[in-house]
Amino acid sequence: MSETQKTAVIFGLANKRSIAWAIAQKLHEAGWRLAITYQNERLEQEAKDLIGELPGSAGFMCDVASDEQIAKLFEQLKGRYGVLHGVVHSVAFAPAEDLKGDFVNTSREGFRIAHDISAYSLLAVARGAAPLMTEGGGIVTMTYYGAERVVPRYNVMGVAKAALEATVRYLANDLGPKKIRVNAVSAGPLKTLASRGISGFGEMLKAHAERAPLKRNVEASEVGSTSAFLLSDGGSGITGETIYVDCGYNIMGF
């Protein structure tokens, strides 16, 4: 099947800085039909304005914290497209207060929310998408180096990303027989709506650019390109992996 006949659903569009938007642009360039979701009415207008820039794409409201909304979305997608070939999960959240102080002070509720939105939601959308992925395909999620090394003040988000990366591996094993591949892209720090909540984010960007072999920060378009590759036929033999798109930062000892 050619790329031009493929359909993907993208979760997590908030604004033009969203990684989800960078991925949507790359998939659109490759000829995919896109269903793009945004969380709520507050984000609806900006999301719809962006989606309008990609002819043939459609917008849907879906809060991934709600099983009912996820079920409703996949019913809509089934009716409109029939078959899905790709899923992009670009969703993460932790309460701001848990991204400031010491990790040891993470609240029980903050821990629960971070894992529900940032990790469990991948499982929930994969379960919803799988019955529509009758021809196989790919699922891609976004992670970060804080899943495996301590990044000060990334706190509970790092623990949730570790859970997300393990979820990728278990889903890859479950869905492999259905020819559905599941991978994570570990992006270097990017200026997004979500990253603004991390205190000291500017220092993180500076340290990353100084230490990465390429001596710069990654661009959202680069994360978009790798994600599109993983969903394409070019990524057909890759599953259960975490692919780094971080200018090489992760290979360095110090």
Protein backbone atom coordinates (compact mmCIF):
# COMPACT_ATOMS: atom_id res chain seq x y z
CA MET A 1 0.00 0.00 0.00
CA SER A 2 1.35 3.44 -0.86
CA GLU A 3 1.79 6.17 1.75
CA THR A 4 -0.88 8.25 0.01
CA GLN A 5 -3.62 5.82 1.01
CA LYS A 6 -2.76 5.71 4.70
CA THR A 7 -4.67 7.27 7.59
CA ALA A 8 -3.32 8.24 11.02
CA VAL A 9 -4.81 9.66 14.19
CA ILE A 10 -2.68 12.15 16.11
CA PHE A 11 -3.24 12.84 19.81
CA GLY A 12 -1.94 15.92 21.57
CA LEU A 13 -2.26 19.02 19.40
CA ALA A 14 -2.25 22.16 21.57
CA ASN A 15 -0.60 24.84 19.43
CA LYS A 16 1.97 25.36 16.68
CA ARG A 17 4.82 24.49 19.06
CA SER A 18 3.35 21.05 19.80
CA ILE A 19 5.43 18.05 18.76
CA ALA A 20 2.11 16.65 17.51
CA TRP A 21 1.92 19.54 15.04
CA ALA A 22 5.46 18.91 13.75
CA ILE A 23 4.58 15.25 13.19
CA ALA A 24 1.28 16.15 11.52
CA GLN A 25 3.09 18.40 9.04
CA LYS A 26 5.57 15.65 8.09
CA LEU A 27 2.86 13.02 7.69
CA HIS A 28 0.79 15.42 5.60
CA GLU A 29 3.79 16.05 3.34
CA ALA A 30 4.06 12.26 2.90
CA GLY A 31 0.43 12.08 1.76
CA TRP A 32 -1.28 10.69 4.87
CA ARG A 33 -4.89 11.47 5.72
CA LEU A 34 -4.96 12.79 9.27
CA ALA A 35 -7.42 12.82 12.13
CA ILE A 36 -5.99 15.26 14.69
CA THR A 37 -7.28 15.49 18.26
CA TYR A 38 -7.20 18.28 20.81
CA GLN A 39 -8.08 18.00 24.48
CA ASN A 40 -10.96 20.38 25.10
CA GLU A 41 -13.00 23.40 24.01
CA ARG A 42 -10.36 25.81 25.31
CA LEU A 43 -7.86 24.48 22.76
CA GLU A 44 -10.42 23.95 20.00
CA GLN A 45 -10.14 27.17 18.00
CA GLU A 46 -6.34 27.27 17.81
CA ALA A 47 -6.26 23.56 16.94
CA LYS A 48 -8.87 23.93 14.21
CA ASP A 49 -7.02 26.90 12.71
CA LEU A 50 -3.87 24.78 12.47
CA ILE A 51 -5.68 21.70 11.16
CA GLY A 52 -7.17 23.92 8.45
CA GLU A 53 -3.64 24.44 7.12
CA LEU A 54 -3.46 20.73 6.22
CA PRO A 55 -6.08 20.07 3.52
CA GLY A 56 -7.90 16.79 3.97
CA SER A 57 -7.22 16.66 7.70
CA ALA A 58 -10.03 16.61 10.28
CA GLY A 59 -10.16 17.71 13.92
CA PHE A 60 -11.73 15.82 16.83
CA MET A 61 -12.04 16.61 20.52
CA CYS A 62 -10.74 13.86 22.80
CA ASP A 63 -9.50 13.99 26.38
CA VAL A 64 -7.39 10.85 26.81
CA ALA A 65 -8.23 10.81 30.53
CA SER A 66 -11.75 9.71 29.56
CA ASP A 67 -12.43 6.16 28.38
CA GLU A 68 -15.81 7.35 27.13
CA GLN A 69 -14.27 10.04 24.93
CA ILE A 70 -11.67 7.61 23.57
CA ALA A 71 -14.40 5.08 22.72
CA LYS A 72 -16.50 7.78 21.05
CA LEU A 73 -13.51 8.99 19.01
CA PHE A 74 -12.69 5.55 17.63
CA GLU A 75 -16.35 5.03 16.73
CA GLN A 76 -16.17 8.30 14.76
CA LEU A 77 -12.90 7.26 13.11
CA LYS A 78 -14.31 3.85 12.19
CA GLY A 79 -17.31 5.49 10.55
CA ARG A 80 -15.26 8.06 8.69
CA TYR A 81 -12.12 6.14 7.68
CA GLY A 82 -12.79 2.46 8.32
CA VAL A 83 -9.12 1.53 8.59
CA LEU A 84 -6.27 3.20 10.50
CA HIS A 85 -2.58 2.71 9.71
CA GLY A 86 -0.94 4.98 12.26
CA VAL A 87 -1.33 6.42 15.75
CA VAL A 88 0.71 9.28 17.19
CA HIS A 89 0.56 9.65 20.98
CA SER A 90 2.05 13.01 21.94
CA VAL A 91 0.43 13.50 25.32
CA ALA A 92 1.96 14.07 28.76
CA PHE A 93 0.99 15.92 31.92
CA ALA A 94 1.97 16.26 35.55
CA PRO A 95 0.74 18.89 38.03
CA ALA A 96 3.02 21.95 37.97
CA GLU A 97 3.73 21.76 41.71
CA ASP A 98 5.24 18.31 41.23
CA LEU A 99 7.71 19.65 38.64
CA LYS A 100 9.29 22.24 40.92
CA GLY A 101 10.54 20.96 44.25
CA ASP A 102 12.12 17.67 45.24
CA PHE A 103 10.85 14.40 43.78
CA VAL A 104 10.50 12.95 47.29
CA ASN A 105 7.65 15.39 47.90
CA THR A 106 5.53 14.20 44.96
CA SER A 107 1.91 13.92 46.04
CA ARG A 108 -0.01 10.67 45.68
CA GLU A 109 -2.52 12.39 43.42
CA GLY A 110 0.24 14.03 41.37
CA PHE A 111 1.88 10.64 40.86
CA ARG A 112 -1.43 9.10 39.80
CA ILE A 113 -2.26 11.90 37.34
CA ALA A 114 1.21 11.85 35.73
CA HIS A 115 1.01 8.11 35.10
CA ASP A 116 -2.63 8.16 33.98
CA ILE A 117 -2.19 10.91 31.38
CA SER A 118 1.39 10.26 30.32
CA ALA A 119 1.59 6.44 30.29
CA TYR A 120 -1.78 4.72 30.68
CA SER A 121 -3.30 6.83 27.90
CA LEU A 122 -0.98 5.12 25.37
CA LEU A 123 -2.42 1.78 26.41
CA ALA A 124 -5.96 3.16 26.18
CA VAL A 125 -5.58 4.61 22.68
CA ALA A 126 -3.69 1.52 21.43
CA ARG A 127 -6.56 -0.66 22.63
CA GLY A 128 -9.03 1.59 20.82
CA ALA A 129 -7.00 1.76 17.62
CA ALA A 130 -5.99 -1.89 17.25
CA PRO A 131 -9.38 -3.15 15.95
CA LEU A 132 -9.22 -0.51 13.17
CA MET A 133 -5.61 -1.37 12.25
CA THR A 134 -6.68 -4.40 10.23
CA GLU A 135 -3.82 -3.95 7.76
CA GLY A 136 -1.18 -3.49 10.46
CA GLY A 137 0.66 -0.21 10.98
CA GLY A 138 2.54 1.77 13.56
CA ILE A 139 2.04 3.52 16.89
CA VAL A 140 4.53 6.18 18.02
CA THR A 141 4.76 7.94 21.37
CA MET A 142 7.02 10.68 22.73
CA THR A 143 9.46 10.14 25.58
CA TYR A 144 12.50 11.88 27.07
CA TYR A 145 15.92 10.98 28.51
CA GLY A 146 14.59 11.73 32.01
CA ALA A 147 13.01 8.26 31.85
CA GLU A 148 16.39 6.60 32.42
CA ARG A 149 18.67 9.26 33.93
CA VAL A 150 17.88 11.80 36.61
CA VAL A 151 17.06 15.22 35.18
CA PRO A 152 16.65 17.58 38.15
CA ARG A 153 13.10 18.92 38.49
CA TYR A 154 11.73 16.61 35.79
CA ASN A 155 10.70 14.57 38.81
CA VAL A 156 7.56 12.44 38.53
CA MET A 157 7.47 13.06 34.79
CA GLY A 158 10.66 11.03 34.45
CA VAL A 159 9.11 8.14 36.36
CA ALA A 160 5.99 8.34 34.19
CA LYS A 161 8.12 8.34 31.02
CA ALA A 162 9.93 5.22 32.30
CA ALA A 163 6.50 3.59 32.66
CA LEU A 164 5.65 4.79 29.15
CA GLU A 165 8.78 3.20 27.67
CA ALA A 166 7.99 -0.11 29.39
CA THR A 167 4.41 0.17 28.08
CA VAL A 168 5.83 0.52 24.55
CA ARG A 169 7.69 -2.78 24.92
CA TYR A 170 4.74 -4.70 26.33
CA LEU A 171 2.37 -3.30 23.69
CA ALA A 172 4.88 -4.17 20.96
CA ASN A 173 4.78 -7.78 22.11
CA ASP A 174 0.98 -7.86 22.37
CA LEU A 175 0.29 -6.19 19.03
CA GLY A 176 3.14 -7.65 16.98
CA PRO A 177 1.08 -10.65 15.79
CA LYS A 178 -1.39 -8.12 14.31
CA LYS A 179 1.49 -6.48 12.39
CA ILE A 180 1.18 -3.38 14.56
CA ARG A 181 4.51 -1.84 15.59
CA VAL A 182 4.91 0.32 18.71
CA ASN A 183 7.88 2.63 19.25
CA ALA A 184 8.93 5.67 21.27
CA VAL A 185 10.86 8.70 20.09
CA SER A 186 13.07 10.16 22.82
CA ALA A 187 13.32 13.81 21.84
CA GLY A 188 15.80 16.29 23.21
CA PRO A 189 14.26 19.21 25.13
CA LEU A 190 11.92 21.35 23.01
CA LYS A 191 10.07 24.58 23.77
CA THR A 192 6.47 23.42 23.98
CA LEU A 193 3.43 24.29 26.07
CA ALA A 194 4.18 21.25 28.24
CA SER A 195 7.87 22.01 28.80
CA ARG A 196 7.08 25.52 30.06
CA GLY A 197 5.87 23.87 33.26
CA ILE A 198 9.34 22.52 34.08
CA SER A 199 11.29 24.91 36.29
CA GLY A 200 14.80 25.59 35.05
CA PHE A 201 13.91 24.54 31.50
CA GLY A 202 16.14 27.22 30.02
CA GLU A 203 19.14 25.74 31.83
CA MET A 204 18.21 22.32 30.46
CA LEU A 205 18.27 23.66 26.89
CA LYS A 206 21.64 25.37 27.44
CA ALA A 207 23.28 22.28 28.98
CA HIS A 208 21.91 20.07 26.22
CA ALA A 209 23.30 22.27 23.44
CA GLU A 210 26.72 22.46 25.13
CA ARG A 211 27.10 18.72 25.71
CA ALA A 212 25.40 17.12 22.70
CA PRO A 213 27.83 16.01 19.96
CA LEU A 214 26.01 18.20 17.41
CA LYS A 215 26.39 21.20 19.79
CA ARG A 216 22.81 22.35 19.40
CA ASN A 217 19.25 21.63 20.44
CA VAL A 218 17.01 19.43 18.37
CA GLU A 219 14.30 20.92 16.13
CA ALA A 220 10.67 19.85 16.35
CA SER A 221 10.72 19.14 12.60
CA GLU A 222 13.48 16.54 13.19
CA VAL A 223 11.31 14.75 15.75
CA GLY A 224 8.47 14.94 13.22
CA SER A 225 10.58 13.40 10.47
CA THR A 226 11.71 10.45 12.61
CA SER A 227 8.18 9.80 13.81
CA ALA A 228 6.89 9.84 10.23
CA PHE A 229 9.67 7.41 9.26
CA LEU A 230 8.69 5.01 12.04
CA LEU A 231 5.09 5.01 10.79
CA SER A 232 6.16 4.54 7.16
CA ASP A 233 7.13 1.37 5.35
CA GLY A 234 10.73 2.36 6.08
CA GLY A 235 10.16 1.52 9.74
CA SER A 236 8.47 -1.82 9.03
CA GLY A 237 11.08 -3.89 10.90
CA ILE A 238 11.29 -1.69 14.00
CA THR A 239 9.15 -2.29 17.09
CA GLY A 240 9.45 -1.97 20.86
CA GLU A 241 12.29 0.55 20.51
CA THR A 242 13.15 3.93 21.95
CA ILE A 243 14.76 5.98 19.17
CA TYR A 244 16.78 9.02 20.29
CA VAL A 245 16.38 12.26 18.38
CA ASP A 246 18.47 14.45 20.67
CA CYS A 247 21.56 15.51 18.69
CA GLY A 248 23.43 12.65 20.37
CA TYR A 249 23.10 13.93 23.94
CA ASN A 250 22.24 10.48 25.32
CA ILE A 251 25.57 8.93 24.27
CA MET A 252 27.66 11.28 26.40
CA GLY A 253 28.98 10.37 29.86
CA PHE A 254 29.36 14.02 30.88
